[in-house]
Amino acid sequence: MTVAESVAVHSDTADPGPCGTPGRRNDPPAISYCRTIDRTLVIALRGVVDRESVYPLRLMLTVAVKSGYSRLVVDCAEITECDNELLDLLLSWKRHERNIVLVHPSSPVRDLIAAEISRRLFLCALSVKHALDLMEC
């Protein structure tokens, strides 16, 4: 299966989602554009990218990795809502020493990234006592 075929197979919103659950029929597919240039995969995402809609993207990136792609360009301008599933997928790509560039990250994407950066920069505690205990370590 090629990268483009992985999108075509799973882009029909009336198609059952992963594990045979019905897809959200009114939502557009998360992947709106796909192109390959050398060893670079260029994709555009739109709409909601969350646990229920991330499967086609996950499949596409898996096929891309197995096909030798090492660079990823993601146009995020039309993402209206996203959750940690998107972030986990992007970080997974980056974690394995592959390059990634986000183009026009929408407000939800920027908010997700900012929350992740804040979480890594600051310790969070449930109480002042817990905070003081954390600072002792």
Protein backbone atom coordinates (compact mmCIF):
# COMPACT_ATOMS: atom_id res chain seq x y z
CA MET A 1 0.00 0.00 0.00
CA THR A 2 1.36 3.41 -0.96
CA VAL A 3 1.00 6.54 1.12
CA ALA A 4 -1.73 7.89 -1.21
CA GLU A 5 -3.61 4.57 -1.12
CA SER A 6 -3.60 4.60 2.68
CA VAL A 7 -5.49 7.90 2.57
CA ALA A 8 -7.95 6.80 -0.12
CA VAL A 9 -8.81 3.62 1.75
CA HIS A 10 -9.68 5.43 4.97
CA SER A 11 -10.89 8.88 3.93
CA ASP A 12 -14.59 8.08 3.43
CA THR A 13 -16.45 9.53 6.42
CA ALA A 14 -19.29 7.02 5.98
CA ASP A 15 -16.75 4.21 6.28
CA PRO A 16 -16.54 2.55 9.68
CA GLY A 17 -13.76 3.92 11.82
CA PRO A 18 -11.16 1.85 13.62
CA CYS A 19 -12.52 -1.15 15.51
CA GLY A 20 -15.68 -1.07 13.37
CA THR A 21 -17.29 1.91 15.10
CA PRO A 22 -19.26 4.23 12.83
CA GLY A 23 -17.44 7.36 11.73
CA ARG A 24 -18.78 10.85 12.35
CA ARG A 25 -20.68 11.33 9.10
CA ASN A 26 -20.84 15.14 9.19
CA ASP A 27 -17.14 15.69 9.83
CA PRO A 28 -14.77 16.05 6.89
CA PRO A 29 -11.81 13.71 6.77
CA ALA A 30 -8.82 14.97 8.73
CA ILE A 31 -6.52 14.63 5.69
CA SER A 32 -7.45 17.07 2.92
CA TYR A 33 -4.25 16.96 0.85
CA CYS A 34 -1.33 14.58 0.37
CA ARG A 35 1.72 14.85 -1.85
CA THR A 36 5.18 13.33 -1.83
CA ILE A 37 8.33 15.11 -2.93
CA ASP A 38 11.51 13.01 -2.79
CA ARG A 39 11.54 11.64 0.79
CA THR A 40 9.17 14.35 2.06
CA LEU A 41 5.50 13.79 2.79
CA VAL A 42 3.43 16.97 2.48
CA ILE A 43 -0.08 16.84 3.97
CA ALA A 44 -2.83 19.27 4.90
CA LEU A 45 -5.20 18.56 7.75
CA ARG A 46 -8.62 20.06 8.36
CA GLY A 47 -11.46 19.92 10.81
CA VAL A 48 -11.25 17.89 13.98
CA VAL A 49 -8.14 15.80 14.61
CA ASP A 50 -8.77 13.70 17.70
CA ARG A 51 -8.91 10.12 18.89
CA GLU A 52 -11.86 9.33 16.64
CA SER A 53 -10.43 10.87 13.47
CA VAL A 54 -6.67 10.32 13.77
CA TYR A 55 -6.63 6.73 12.43
CA PRO A 56 -6.16 7.62 8.70
CA LEU A 57 -3.32 9.99 9.62
CA ARG A 58 -1.68 7.38 11.85
CA LEU A 59 -1.95 4.80 9.05
CA MET A 60 -0.54 7.22 6.47
CA LEU A 61 2.47 8.09 8.64
CA THR A 62 3.12 4.40 9.36
CA VAL A 63 3.12 3.62 5.64
CA ALA A 64 5.34 6.67 4.99
CA VAL A 65 7.90 5.52 7.55
CA LYS A 66 7.93 1.98 6.14
CA SER A 67 8.38 3.48 2.66
CA GLY A 68 11.46 5.45 3.74
CA TYR A 69 10.06 8.96 4.15
CA SER A 70 12.03 10.96 6.70
CA ARG A 71 10.58 14.47 6.37
CA LEU A 72 7.06 15.65 7.07
CA VAL A 73 5.41 18.98 6.24
CA VAL A 74 1.97 19.46 7.80
CA ASP A 75 -0.32 22.34 6.84
CA CYS A 76 -2.37 22.93 10.00
CA ALA A 77 -4.24 26.08 8.93
CA GLU A 78 -7.66 24.40 8.73
CA ILE A 79 -7.55 22.36 11.94
CA THR A 80 -10.50 23.56 14.00
CA GLU A 81 -10.03 21.28 17.00
CA CYS A 82 -7.33 18.85 18.12
CA ASP A 83 -6.27 16.89 21.14
CA ASN A 84 -3.23 15.04 22.43
CA GLU A 85 -3.62 12.34 19.76
CA LEU A 86 -2.30 14.81 17.18
CA LEU A 87 0.50 15.95 19.46
CA ASP A 88 1.50 12.37 20.28
CA LEU A 89 1.61 11.49 16.60
CA LEU A 90 3.74 14.51 15.69
CA LEU A 91 6.09 13.95 18.63
CA SER A 92 6.44 10.30 17.68
CA TRP A 93 7.55 11.31 14.19
CA LYS A 94 10.05 13.78 15.66
CA ARG A 95 11.28 11.39 18.37
CA HIS A 96 12.69 9.01 15.78
CA GLU A 97 15.05 11.63 14.32
CA ARG A 98 12.78 12.53 11.43
CA ASN A 99 12.21 16.15 10.45
CA ILE A 100 8.85 17.85 10.75
CA VAL A 101 7.62 21.35 9.92
CA LEU A 102 4.16 22.70 10.80
CA VAL A 103 2.81 25.25 8.33
CA HIS A 104 0.27 27.86 9.44
CA PRO A 105 -0.60 26.23 12.79
CA SER A 106 -4.18 27.21 13.68
CA SER A 107 -5.09 28.53 17.13
CA PRO A 108 -6.06 25.06 18.45
CA VAL A 109 -2.71 23.64 17.27
CA ARG A 110 -0.76 26.56 18.79
CA ASP A 111 -2.69 26.15 22.07
CA LEU A 112 -1.92 22.43 22.15
CA ILE A 113 1.79 23.05 21.56
CA ALA A 114 1.89 25.84 24.15
CA ALA A 115 0.24 23.59 26.74
CA GLU A 116 2.82 20.87 26.06
CA ILE A 117 5.70 23.35 26.37
CA SER A 118 4.27 24.71 29.63
CA ARG A 119 3.82 21.21 31.00
CA ARG A 120 7.48 20.43 30.30
CA LEU A 121 8.80 23.76 31.63
CA PHE A 122 6.87 23.93 34.88
CA LEU A 123 6.24 21.45 37.65
CA CYS A 124 2.60 21.35 38.64
CA ALA A 125 1.45 20.38 42.11
CA LEU A 126 -1.86 19.53 43.70
CA SER A 127 -1.20 21.64 46.82
CA VAL A 128 1.34 24.02 48.33
CA LYS A 129 2.66 21.17 50.49
CA HIS A 130 3.11 19.00 47.42
CA ALA A 131 4.88 21.90 45.66
CA LEU A 132 7.27 22.35 48.58
CA ASP A 133 7.94 18.60 48.63
CA LEU A 134 8.73 18.68 44.92
CA MET A 135 11.19 21.54 45.43
CA GLU A 136 13.03 19.59 48.13
CA CYS A 137 13.93 16.80 45.67
